[in-house]
Amino acid sequence: MIPRPDQLTSHLTSQYNENETGGGILATWQVQDAKARFSEFLDATIKKGPQVVTRRGVKTAVLVPIEEWERLQEATRPGLKEWLLTPEARHDDLTFERGKLRSRPVVEFE
């Protein structure tokens, strides 16, 4: 007896549930499948790119390869030139309050 598609277990549906987005195809995994088969989930991320995790059918997280994560982090970090050319005040975060340290006794020299 062949099961109907609505009778397939979640571990069979997550693997083949791919959504097409603006940048390409992202495979989606239900959270329980991603937890149960984490090694396979991680391998798919490394070989095929970002993998989306859903909870109750709602997209909740994305696992991306470390190279892509580092590239995205570098792209969003402003360089020194951009930071210096921003119109906002930059001195607010550079001034620090002095700590409440005890003063040392004065040493007298002869």
PDB file of N, CA and C in Angstrom:
ATOM      1  N   MET A   1       0.838  -1.174   0.000  1.00  0.00           N
ATOM      2  CA  MET A   1       0.000   0.000   0.000  1.00  0.00           C
ATOM      3  C   MET A   1       0.886   1.241   0.000  1.00  0.00           C
ATOM      4  N   ILE A   2       0.655   2.150  -0.922  1.00  0.00           N
ATOM      5  CA  ILE A   2       1.437   3.388  -1.035  1.00  0.00           C
ATOM      6  C   ILE A   2       0.726   4.481  -0.237  1.00  0.00           C
ATOM      7  N   PRO A   3       1.460   5.151   0.669  1.00  0.00           N
ATOM      8  CA  PRO A   3       0.830   6.199   1.474  1.00  0.00           C
ATOM      9  C   PRO A   3       0.564   7.458   0.646  1.00  0.00           C
ATOM     10  N   ARG A   4      -0.485   8.165   1.029  1.00  0.00           N
ATOM     11  CA  ARG A   4      -0.779   9.451   0.402  1.00  0.00           C
ATOM     12  C   ARG A   4       0.259  10.469   0.870  1.00  0.00           C
ATOM     13  N   PRO A   5       0.482  11.558   0.113  1.00  0.00           N
ATOM     14  CA  PRO A   5       1.480  12.562   0.518  1.00  0.00           C
ATOM     15  C   PRO A   5       1.233  13.133   1.912  1.00  0.00           C
ATOM     16  N   ASP A   6      -0.038  13.274   2.313  1.00  0.00           N
ATOM     17  CA  ASP A   6      -0.303  13.835   3.639  1.00  0.00           C
ATOM     18  C   ASP A   6      -0.029  12.828   4.753  1.00  0.00           C
ATOM     19  N   GLN A   7       0.260  11.571   4.389  1.00  0.00           N
ATOM     20  CA  GLN A   7       0.561  10.557   5.386  1.00  0.00           C
ATOM     21  C   GLN A   7       2.066  10.330   5.548  1.00  0.00           C
ATOM     22  N   LEU A   8       2.874  10.994   4.728  1.00  0.00           N
ATOM     23  CA  LEU A   8       4.319  10.832   4.844  1.00  0.00           C
ATOM     24  C   LEU A   8       4.786  11.380   6.180  1.00  0.00           C
ATOM     25  N   THR A   9       5.772  10.733   6.732  1.00  0.00           N
ATOM     26  CA  THR A   9       6.308  11.225   7.994  1.00  0.00           C
ATOM     27  C   THR A   9       7.162  12.455   7.732  1.00  0.00           C
ATOM     28  N   SER A  10       7.358  13.257   8.756  1.00  0.00           N
ATOM     29  CA  SER A  10       8.084  14.511   8.588  1.00  0.00           C
ATOM     30  C   SER A  10       9.519  14.289   8.145  1.00  0.00           C
ATOM     31  N   HIS A  11      10.153  13.189   8.546  1.00  0.00           N
ATOM     32  CA  HIS A  11      11.539  12.980   8.139  1.00  0.00           C
ATOM     33  C   HIS A  11      11.668  12.712   6.651  1.00  0.00           C
ATOM     34  N   LEU A  12      10.583  12.320   5.993  1.00  0.00           N
ATOM     35  CA  LEU A  12      10.629  12.149   4.547  1.00  0.00           C
ATOM     36  C   LEU A  12      10.317  13.447   3.822  1.00  0.00           C
ATOM     37  N   THR A  13       9.514  14.307   4.430  1.00  0.00           N
ATOM     38  CA  THR A  13       9.112  15.522   3.738  1.00  0.00           C
ATOM     39  C   THR A  13      10.141  16.630   3.853  1.00  0.00           C
ATOM     40  N   SER A  14      10.859  16.726   4.965  1.00  0.00           N
ATOM     41  CA  SER A  14      11.807  17.821   5.139  1.00  0.00           C
ATOM     42  C   SER A  14      12.908  17.797   4.102  1.00  0.00           C
ATOM     43  N   GLN A  15      13.384  16.598   3.788  1.00  0.00           N
ATOM     44  CA  GLN A  15      14.500  16.466   2.865  1.00  0.00           C
ATOM     45  C   GLN A  15      14.149  17.020   1.484  1.00  0.00           C
ATOM     46  N   TYR A  16      12.913  16.878   1.067  1.00  0.00           N
ATOM     47  CA  TYR A  16      12.537  17.269  -0.277  1.00  0.00           C
ATOM     48  C   TYR A  16      11.746  18.564  -0.329  1.00  0.00           C
ATOM     49  N   ASN A  17      11.577  19.223   0.794  1.00  0.00           N
ATOM     50  CA  ASN A  17      10.808  20.448   0.846  1.00  0.00           C
ATOM     51  C   ASN A  17      11.733  21.618   0.546  1.00  0.00           C
ATOM     52  N   GLU A  18      11.818  22.006  -0.716  1.00  0.00           N
ATOM     53  CA  GLU A  18      12.694  23.096  -1.109  1.00  0.00           C
ATOM     54  C   GLU A  18      11.859  24.270  -1.584  1.00  0.00           C
ATOM     55  N   ASN A  19      12.200  25.452  -1.118  1.00  0.00           N
ATOM     56  CA  ASN A  19      11.502  26.674  -1.495  1.00  0.00           C
ATOM     57  C   ASN A  19      12.388  27.502  -2.396  1.00  0.00           C
ATOM     58  N   GLU A  20      11.802  28.068  -3.434  1.00  0.00           N
ATOM     59  CA  GLU A  20      12.578  28.937  -4.306  1.00  0.00           C
ATOM     60  C   GLU A  20      12.428  30.357  -3.800  1.00  0.00           C
ATOM     61  N   THR A  21      13.558  31.001  -3.553  1.00  0.00           N
ATOM     62  CA  THR A  21      13.556  32.382  -3.096  1.00  0.00           C
ATOM     63  C   THR A  21      14.266  33.226  -4.137  1.00  0.00           C
ATOM     64  N   GLY A  22      14.384  34.505  -3.887  1.00  0.00           N
ATOM     65  CA  GLY A  22      15.016  35.409  -4.840  1.00  0.00           C
ATOM     66  C   GLY A  22      16.423  35.001  -5.224  1.00  0.00           C
ATOM     67  N   GLY A  23      17.214  34.479  -4.262  1.00  0.00           N
ATOM     68  CA  GLY A  23      18.600  34.159  -4.534  1.00  0.00           C
ATOM     69  C   GLY A  23      18.824  32.745  -5.014  1.00  0.00           C
ATOM     70  N   GLY A  24      17.856  31.878  -4.931  1.00  0.00           N
ATOM     71  CA  GLY A  24      18.043  30.494  -5.340  1.00  0.00           C
ATOM     72  C   GLY A  24      17.128  29.585  -4.544  1.00  0.00           C
ATOM     73  N   ILE A  25      17.513  28.333  -4.439  1.00  0.00           N
ATOM     74  CA  ILE A  25      16.692  27.351  -3.749  1.00  0.00           C
ATOM     75  C   ILE A  25      17.274  27.105  -2.366  1.00  0.00           C
ATOM     76  N   LEU A  26      16.438  27.227  -1.349  1.00  0.00           N
ATOM     77  CA  LEU A  26      16.841  26.934   0.021  1.00  0.00           C
ATOM     78  C   LEU A  26      16.039  25.741   0.511  1.00  0.00           C
ATOM     79  N   ALA A  27      16.727  24.698   0.944  1.00  0.00           N
ATOM     80  CA  ALA A  27      16.037  23.538   1.496  1.00  0.00           C
ATOM     81  C   ALA A  27      15.518  23.899   2.880  1.00  0.00           C
ATOM     82  N   THR A  28      14.344  23.398   3.217  1.00  0.00           N
ATOM     83  CA  THR A  28      13.783  23.666   4.542  1.00  0.00           C
ATOM     84  C   THR A  28      13.711  22.377   5.330  1.00  0.00           C
ATOM     85  N   TRP A  29      13.961  22.499   6.608  1.00  0.00           N
ATOM     86  CA  TRP A  29      13.914  21.373   7.535  1.00  0.00           C
ATOM     87  C   TRP A  29      13.007  21.743   8.689  1.00  0.00           C
ATOM     88  N   GLN A  30      12.146  20.830   9.082  1.00  0.00           N
ATOM     89  CA  GLN A  30      11.381  21.047  10.299  1.00  0.00           C
ATOM     90  C   GLN A  30      12.342  20.900  11.467  1.00  0.00           C
ATOM     91  N   VAL A  31      12.092  21.645  12.536  1.00  0.00           N
ATOM     92  CA  VAL A  31      13.041  21.689  13.640  1.00  0.00           C
ATOM     93  C   VAL A  31      13.318  20.304  14.223  1.00  0.00           C
ATOM     94  N   GLN A  32      12.299  19.466  14.340  1.00  0.00           N
ATOM     95  CA  GLN A  32      12.523  18.130  14.911  1.00  0.00           C
ATOM     96  C   GLN A  32      13.403  17.279  13.998  1.00  0.00           C
ATOM     97  N   ASP A  33      13.299  17.477  12.675  1.00  0.00           N
ATOM     98  CA  ASP A  33      14.158  16.745  11.744  1.00  0.00           C
ATOM     99  C   ASP A  33      15.593  17.248  11.807  1.00  0.00           C
ATOM    100  N   ALA A  34      15.758  18.563  11.900  1.00  0.00           N
ATOM    101  CA  ALA A  34      17.099  19.130  11.988  1.00  0.00           C
ATOM    102  C   ALA A  34      17.798  18.652  13.256  1.00  0.00           C
ATOM    103  N   LYS A  35      17.057  18.539  14.357  1.00  0.00           N
ATOM    104  CA  LYS A  35      17.648  18.061  15.608  1.00  0.00           C
ATOM    105  C   LYS A  35      17.984  16.576  15.523  1.00  0.00           C
ATOM    106  N   ALA A  36      17.074  15.799  14.978  1.00  0.00           N
ATOM    107  CA  ALA A  36      17.267  14.350  14.935  1.00  0.00           C
ATOM    108  C   ALA A  36      18.365  13.934  13.956  1.00  0.00           C
ATOM    109  N   ARG A  37      18.517  14.695  12.885  1.00  0.00           N
ATOM    110  CA  ARG A  37      19.489  14.340  11.847  1.00  0.00           C
ATOM    111  C   ARG A  37      20.486  15.478  11.642  1.00  0.00           C
ATOM    112  N   PHE A  38      21.056  15.966  12.735  1.00  0.00           N
ATOM    113  CA  PHE A  38      21.899  17.147  12.662  1.00  0.00           C
ATOM    114  C   PHE A  38      23.117  16.959  11.761  1.00  0.00           C
ATOM    115  N   SER A  39      23.751  15.802  11.787  1.00  0.00           N
ATOM    116  CA  SER A  39      24.918  15.574  10.928  1.00  0.00           C
ATOM    117  C   SER A  39      24.552  15.706   9.460  1.00  0.00           C
ATOM    118  N   GLU A  40      23.424  15.144   9.080  1.00  0.00           N
ATOM    119  CA  GLU A  40      22.961  15.251   7.692  1.00  0.00           C
ATOM    120  C   GLU A  40      22.601  16.698   7.358  1.00  0.00           C
ATOM    121  N   PHE A  41      21.976  17.382   8.305  1.00  0.00           N
ATOM    122  CA  PHE A  41      21.608  18.789   8.166  1.00  0.00           C
ATOM    123  C   PHE A  41      22.869  19.641   7.947  1.00  0.00           C
ATOM    124  N   LEU A  42      23.899  19.393   8.747  1.00  0.00           N
ATOM    125  CA  LEU A  42      25.157  20.119   8.632  1.00  0.00           C
ATOM    126  C   LEU A  42      25.852  19.808   7.306  1.00  0.00           C
ATOM    127  N   ASP A  43      25.869  18.543   6.905  1.00  0.00           N
ATOM    128  CA  ASP A  43      26.478  18.165   5.621  1.00  0.00           C
ATOM    129  C   ASP A  43      25.767  18.845   4.452  1.00  0.00           C
ATOM    130  N   ALA A  44      24.438  18.904   4.510  1.00  0.00           N
ATOM    131  CA  ALA A  44      23.675  19.566   3.446  1.00  0.00           C
ATOM    132  C   ALA A  44      24.022  21.047   3.383  1.00  0.00           C
ATOM    133  N   THR A  45      24.225  21.661   4.536  1.00  0.00           N
ATOM    134  CA  THR A  45      24.595  23.074   4.574  1.00  0.00           C
ATOM    135  C   THR A  45      25.957  23.287   3.925  1.00  0.00           C
ATOM    136  N   ILE A  46      26.912  22.433   4.237  1.00  0.00           N
ATOM    137  CA  ILE A  46      28.258  22.576   3.702  1.00  0.00           C
ATOM    138  C   ILE A  46      28.275  22.334   2.193  1.00  0.00           C
ATOM    139  N   LYS A  47      27.535  21.338   1.727  1.00  0.00           N
ATOM    140  CA  LYS A  47      27.562  20.970   0.307  1.00  0.00           C
ATOM    141  C   LYS A  47      26.638  21.817  -0.557  1.00  0.00           C
ATOM    142  N   LYS A  48      25.422  22.133  -0.045  1.00  0.00           N
ATOM    143  CA  LYS A  48      24.412  22.786  -0.871  1.00  0.00           C
ATOM    144  C   LYS A  48      24.155  24.242  -0.521  1.00  0.00           C
ATOM    145  N   GLY A  49      24.683  24.701   0.611  1.00  0.00           N
ATOM    146  CA  GLY A  49      24.459  26.094   0.996  1.00  0.00           C
ATOM    147  C   GLY A  49      23.453  26.217   2.127  1.00  0.00           C
ATOM    148  N   PRO A  50      22.939  27.415   2.357  1.00  0.00           N
ATOM    149  CA  PRO A  50      22.055  27.683   3.496  1.00  0.00           C
ATOM    150  C   PRO A  50      20.842  26.754   3.550  1.00  0.00           C
ATOM    151  N   GLN A  51      20.479  26.367   4.770  1.00  0.00           N
ATOM    152  CA  GLN A  51      19.328  25.505   5.020  1.00  0.00           C
ATOM    153  C   GLN A  51      18.402  26.224   6.002  1.00  0.00           C
ATOM    154  N   VAL A  52      17.128  26.270   5.692  1.00  0.00           N
ATOM    155  CA  VAL A  52      16.139  26.961   6.518  1.00  0.00           C
ATOM    156  C   VAL A  52      15.518  25.976   7.494  1.00  0.00           C
ATOM    157  N   VAL A  53      15.326  26.416   8.739  1.00  0.00           N
ATOM    158  CA  VAL A  53      14.659  25.608   9.762  1.00  0.00           C
ATOM    159  C   VAL A  53      13.294  26.234  10.023  1.00  0.00           C
ATOM    160  N   THR A  54      12.271  25.402  10.029  1.00  0.00           N
ATOM    161  CA  THR A  54      10.916  25.894  10.306  1.00  0.00           C
ATOM    162  C   THR A  54      10.397  25.284  11.600  1.00  0.00           C
ATOM    163  N   ARG A  55       9.574  26.045  12.293  1.00  0.00           N
ATOM    164  CA  ARG A  55       8.882  25.555  13.487  1.00  0.00           C
ATOM    165  C   ARG A  55       7.405  25.818  13.264  1.00  0.00           C
ATOM    166  N   ARG A  56       6.648  24.741  13.254  1.00  0.00           N
ATOM    167  CA  ARG A  56       5.206  24.811  12.989  1.00  0.00           C
ATOM    168  C   ARG A  56       4.904  25.511  11.661  1.00  0.00           C
ATOM    169  N   GLY A  57       5.761  25.267  10.675  1.00  0.00           N
ATOM    170  CA  GLY A  57       5.560  25.818   9.340  1.00  0.00           C
ATOM    171  C   GLY A  57       6.037  27.244   9.145  1.00  0.00           C
ATOM    172  N   VAL A  58       6.607  27.864  10.185  1.00  0.00           N
ATOM    173  CA  VAL A  58       7.084  29.237  10.098  1.00  0.00           C
ATOM    174  C   VAL A  58       8.612  29.232  10.065  1.00  0.00           C
ATOM    175  N   LYS A  59       9.197  29.940   9.112  1.00  0.00           N
ATOM    176  CA  LYS A  59      10.653  30.020   9.018  1.00  0.00           C
ATOM    177  C   LYS A  59      11.187  30.680  10.290  1.00  0.00           C
ATOM    178  N   THR A  60      12.143  30.015  10.967  1.00  0.00           N
ATOM    179  CA  THR A  60      12.653  30.549  12.222  1.00  0.00           C
ATOM    180  C   THR A  60      14.162  30.755  12.230  1.00  0.00           C
ATOM    181  N   ALA A  61      14.914  30.016  11.431  1.00  0.00           N
ATOM    182  CA  ALA A  61      16.373  30.132  11.460  1.00  0.00           C
ATOM    183  C   ALA A  61      16.961  29.643  10.146  1.00  0.00           C
ATOM    184  N   VAL A  62      18.232  30.005   9.940  1.00  0.00           N
ATOM    185  CA  VAL A  62      18.968  29.554   8.760  1.00  0.00           C
ATOM    186  C   VAL A  62      20.353  29.112   9.212  1.00  0.00           C
ATOM    187  N   LEU A  63      20.776  27.961   8.759  1.00  0.00           N
ATOM    188  CA  LEU A  63      22.141  27.501   9.003  1.00  0.00           C
ATOM    189  C   LEU A  63      22.927  27.756   7.722  1.00  0.00           C
ATOM    190  N   VAL A  64      24.023  28.514   7.853  1.00  0.00           N
ATOM    191  CA  VAL A  64      24.836  28.851   6.683  1.00  0.00           C
ATOM    192  C   VAL A  64      26.264  28.368   6.905  1.00  0.00           C
ATOM    193  N   PRO A  65      26.989  28.052   5.834  1.00  0.00           N
ATOM    194  CA  PRO A  65      28.395  27.671   5.975  1.00  0.00           C
ATOM    195  C   PRO A  65      29.199  28.831   6.567  1.00  0.00           C
ATOM    196  N   ILE A  66      30.250  28.517   7.303  1.00  0.00           N
ATOM    197  CA  ILE A  66      31.031  29.536   8.002  1.00  0.00           C
ATOM    198  C   ILE A  66      31.646  30.544   7.036  1.00  0.00           C
ATOM    199  N   GLU A  67      32.065  30.115   5.853  1.00  0.00           N
ATOM    200  CA  GLU A  67      32.656  31.044   4.887  1.00  0.00           C
ATOM    201  C   GLU A  67      31.647  32.111   4.483  1.00  0.00           C
ATOM    202  N   GLU A  68      30.414  31.700   4.265  1.00  0.00           N
ATOM    203  CA  GLU A  68      29.382  32.661   3.888  1.00  0.00           C
ATOM    204  C   GLU A  68      29.060  33.591   5.047  1.00  0.00           C
ATOM    205  N   TRP A  69      29.019  33.048   6.259  1.00  0.00           N
ATOM    206  CA  TRP A  69      28.757  33.871   7.445  1.00  0.00           C
ATOM    207  C   TRP A  69      29.836  34.942   7.601  1.00  0.00           C
ATOM    208  N   GLU A  70      31.104  34.544   7.467  1.00  0.00           N
ATOM    209  CA  GLU A  70      32.198  35.500   7.602  1.00  0.00           C
ATOM    210  C   GLU A  70      32.150  36.555   6.504  1.00  0.00           C
ATOM    211  N   ARG A  71      31.795  36.149   5.295  1.00  0.00           N
ATOM    212  CA  ARG A  71      31.673  37.106   4.189  1.00  0.00           C
ATOM    213  C   ARG A  71      30.564  38.105   4.474  1.00  0.00           C
ATOM    214  N   LEU A  72      29.432  37.633   4.969  1.00  0.00           N
ATOM    215  CA  LEU A  72      28.322  38.531   5.294  1.00  0.00           C
ATOM    216  C   LEU A  72      28.685  39.477   6.432  1.00  0.00           C
ATOM    217  N   GLN A  73      29.389  38.962   7.436  1.00  0.00           N
ATOM    218  CA  GLN A  73      29.799  39.811   8.553  1.00  0.00           C
ATOM    219  C   GLN A  73      30.758  40.900   8.085  1.00  0.00           C
ATOM    220  N   GLU A  74      31.690  40.539   7.226  1.00  0.00           N
ATOM    221  CA  GLU A  74      32.657  41.511   6.715  1.00  0.00           C
ATOM    222  C   GLU A  74      31.962  42.560   5.854  1.00  0.00           C
ATOM    223  N   ALA A  75      30.976  42.144   5.076  1.00  0.00           N
ATOM    224  CA  ALA A  75      30.271  43.072   4.194  1.00  0.00           C
ATOM    225  C   ALA A  75      29.444  44.086   4.979  1.00  0.00           C
ATOM    226  N   THR A  76      28.957  43.714   6.151  1.00  0.00           N
ATOM    227  CA  THR A  76      28.118  44.630   6.929  1.00  0.00           C
ATOM    228  C   THR A  76      28.921  45.494   7.886  1.00  0.00           C
ATOM    229  N   ARG A  77      30.181  45.185   8.090  1.00  0.00           N
ATOM    230  CA  ARG A  77      31.033  45.960   9.001  1.00  0.00           C
ATOM    231  C   ARG A  77      31.597  47.158   8.255  1.00  0.00           C
ATOM    232  N   PRO A  78      31.377  48.380   8.758  1.00  0.00           N
ATOM    233  CA  PRO A  78      31.943  49.535   8.055  1.00  0.00           C
ATOM    234  C   PRO A  78      33.457  49.590   8.237  1.00  0.00           C
ATOM    235  N   GLY A  79      34.131  50.027   7.206  1.00  0.00           N
ATOM    236  CA  GLY A  79      35.573  50.199   7.287  1.00  0.00           C
ATOM    237  C   GLY A  79      35.906  51.495   8.009  1.00  0.00           C
ATOM    238  N   LEU A  80      37.173  51.738   8.249  1.00  0.00           N
ATOM    239  CA  LEU A  80      37.608  52.939   8.951  1.00  0.00           C
ATOM    240  C   LEU A  80      37.204  54.194   8.185  1.00  0.00           C
ATOM    241  N   LYS A  81      37.357  54.163   6.867  1.00  0.00           N
ATOM    242  CA  LYS A  81      37.008  55.331   6.058  1.00  0.00           C
ATOM    243  C   LYS A  81      35.524  55.661   6.192  1.00  0.00           C
ATOM    244  N   GLU A  82      34.656  54.659   6.066  1.00  0.00           N
ATOM    245  CA  GLU A  82      33.214  54.885   6.198  1.00  0.00           C
ATOM    246  C   GLU A  82      32.868  55.373   7.596  1.00  0.00           C
ATOM    247  N   TRP A  83      33.518  54.812   8.591  1.00  0.00           N
ATOM    248  CA  TRP A  83      33.244  55.201   9.970  1.00  0.00           C
ATOM    249  C   TRP A  83      33.633  56.654  10.216  1.00  0.00           C
ATOM    250  N   LEU A  84      34.796  57.063   9.689  1.00  0.00           N
ATOM    251  CA  LEU A  84      35.242  58.440   9.885  1.00  0.00           C
ATOM    252  C   LEU A  84      34.407  59.443   9.099  1.00  0.00           C
ATOM    253  N   LEU A  85      33.837  59.018   7.987  1.00  0.00           N
ATOM    254  CA  LEU A  85      33.053  59.927   7.150  1.00  0.00           C
ATOM    255  C   LEU A  85      31.573  59.990   7.526  1.00  0.00           C
ATOM    256  N   THR A  86      31.143  59.232   8.510  1.00  0.00           N
ATOM    257  CA  THR A  86      29.737  59.288   8.906  1.00  0.00           C
ATOM    258  C   THR A  86      29.429  60.624   9.562  1.00  0.00           C
ATOM    259  N   PRO A  87      28.235  61.163   9.329  1.00  0.00           N
ATOM    260  CA  PRO A  87      27.896  62.464   9.906  1.00  0.00           C
ATOM    261  C   PRO A  87      27.574  62.408  11.405  1.00  0.00           C
ATOM    262  N   GLU A  88      27.309  61.240  11.960  1.00  0.00           N
ATOM    263  CA  GLU A  88      26.965  61.142  13.371  1.00  0.00           C
ATOM    264  C   GLU A  88      28.178  61.449  14.243  1.00  0.00           C
ATOM    265  N   ALA A  89      27.889  61.857  15.463  1.00  0.00           N
ATOM    266  CA  ALA A  89      28.972  62.117  16.413  1.00  0.00           C
ATOM    267  C   ALA A  89      29.642  60.798  16.768  1.00  0.00           C
ATOM    268  N   ARG A  90      30.959  60.790  16.747  1.00  0.00           N
ATOM    269  CA  ARG A  90      31.683  59.573  17.037  1.00  0.00           C
ATOM    270  C   ARG A  90      32.369  59.619  18.395  1.00  0.00           C
ATOM    271  N   HIS A  91      32.332  60.763  19.038  1.00  0.00           N
ATOM    272  CA  HIS A  91      33.053  60.893  20.300  1.00  0.00           C
ATOM    273  C   HIS A  91      32.267  60.346  21.478  1.00  0.00           C
ATOM    274  N   ASP A  92      30.966  60.158  21.341  1.00  0.00           N
ATOM    275  CA  ASP A  92      30.157  59.695  22.467  1.00  0.00           C
ATOM    276  C   ASP A  92      30.598  58.324  22.965  1.00  0.00           C
ATOM    277  N   ASP A  93      30.952  57.472  22.047  1.00  0.00           N
ATOM    278  CA  ASP A  93      31.336  56.129  22.459  1.00  0.00           C
ATOM    279  C   ASP A  93      32.830  55.990  22.727  1.00  0.00           C
ATOM    280  N   LEU A  94      33.571  57.083  22.629  1.00  0.00           N
ATOM    281  CA  LEU A  94      35.004  57.022  22.857  1.00  0.00           C
ATOM    282  C   LEU A  94      35.421  57.565  24.220  1.00  0.00           C
ATOM    283  N   THR A  95      34.533  58.289  24.878  1.00  0.00           N
ATOM    284  CA  THR A  95      34.879  58.834  26.191  1.00  0.00           C
ATOM    285  C   THR A  95      34.420  57.864  27.268  1.00  0.00           C
ATOM    286  N   PHE A  96      35.284  57.632  28.216  1.00  0.00           N
ATOM    287  CA  PHE A  96      34.995  56.678  29.267  1.00  0.00           C
ATOM    288  C   PHE A  96      35.030  57.380  30.614  1.00  0.00           C
ATOM    289  N   GLU A  97      34.191  56.946  31.507  1.00  0.00           N
ATOM    290  CA  GLU A  97      34.225  57.484  32.865  1.00  0.00           C
ATOM    291  C   GLU A  97      35.377  56.847  33.605  1.00  0.00           C
ATOM    292  N   ARG A  98      35.967  57.636  34.449  1.00  0.00           N
ATOM    293  CA  ARG A  98      37.063  57.101  35.253  1.00  0.00           C
ATOM    294  C   ARG A  98      36.483  56.220  36.336  1.00  0.00           C
ATOM    295  N   GLY A  99      37.188  55.181  36.629  1.00  0.00           N
ATOM    296  CA  GLY A  99      36.758  54.283  37.682  1.00  0.00           C
ATOM    297  C   GLY A  99      36.935  54.912  39.054  1.00  0.00           C
ATOM    298  N   LYS A 100      36.266  54.388  40.026  1.00  0.00           N
ATOM    299  CA  LYS A 100      36.362  54.877  41.396  1.00  0.00           C
ATOM    300  C   LYS A 100      37.453  54.096  42.124  1.00  0.00           C
ATOM    301  N   LEU A 101      38.689  54.327  41.731  1.00  0.00           N
ATOM    302  CA  LEU A 101      39.808  53.626  42.341  1.00  0.00           C
ATOM    303  C   LEU A 101      40.311  54.393  43.556  1.00  0.00           C
ATOM    304  N   ARG A 102      40.813  53.659  44.506  1.00  0.00           N
ATOM    305  CA  ARG A 102      41.419  54.308  45.668  1.00  0.00           C
ATOM    306  C   ARG A 102      42.738  54.928  45.253  1.00  0.00           C
ATOM    307  N   SER A 103      43.015  56.081  45.791  1.00  0.00           N
ATOM    308  CA  SER A 103      44.288  56.710  45.469  1.00  0.00           C
ATOM    309  C   SER A 103      45.390  56.092  46.328  1.00  0.00           C
ATOM    310  N   ARG A 104      46.561  56.062  45.760  1.00  0.00           N
ATOM    311  CA  ARG A 104      47.694  55.503  46.479  1.00  0.00           C
ATOM    312  C   ARG A 104      48.292  56.567  47.397  1.00  0.00           C
ATOM    313  N   PRO A 105      48.920  56.130  48.441  1.00  0.00           N
ATOM    314  CA  PRO A 105      49.549  57.124  49.342  1.00  0.00           C
ATOM    315  C   PRO A 105      50.716  57.813  48.607  1.00  0.00           C
ATOM    316  N   VAL A 106      50.909  59.068  48.937  1.00  0.00           N
ATOM    317  CA  VAL A 106      51.991  59.840  48.337  1.00  0.00           C
ATOM    318  C   VAL A 106      53.320  59.385  48.924  1.00  0.00           C
ATOM    319  N   VAL A 107      54.270  59.162  48.053  1.00  0.00           N
ATOM    320  CA  VAL A 107      55.610  58.740  48.491  1.00  0.00           C
ATOM    321  C   VAL A 107      56.513  59.962  48.438  1.00  0.00           C
ATOM    322  N   GLU A 108      57.157  60.240  49.521  1.00  0.00           N
ATOM    323  CA  GLU A 108      58.040  61.405  49.577  1.00  0.00           C
ATOM    324  C   GLU A 108      59.486  60.966  49.349  1.00  0.00           C
ATOM    325  N   PHE A 109      60.176  61.671  48.493  1.00  0.00           N
ATOM    326  CA  PHE A 109      61.577  61.376  48.207  1.00  0.00           C
ATOM    327  C   PHE A 109      62.470  62.405  48.880  1.00  0.00           C
ATOM    328  N   GLU A 110      63.619  61.989  49.285  1.00  0.00           N
ATOM    329  CA  GLU A 110      64.561  62.911  49.926  1.00  0.00           C
ATOM    330  C   GLU A 110      65.516  63.520  48.938  1.00  0.00           C
TER     331      GLU A 110
END
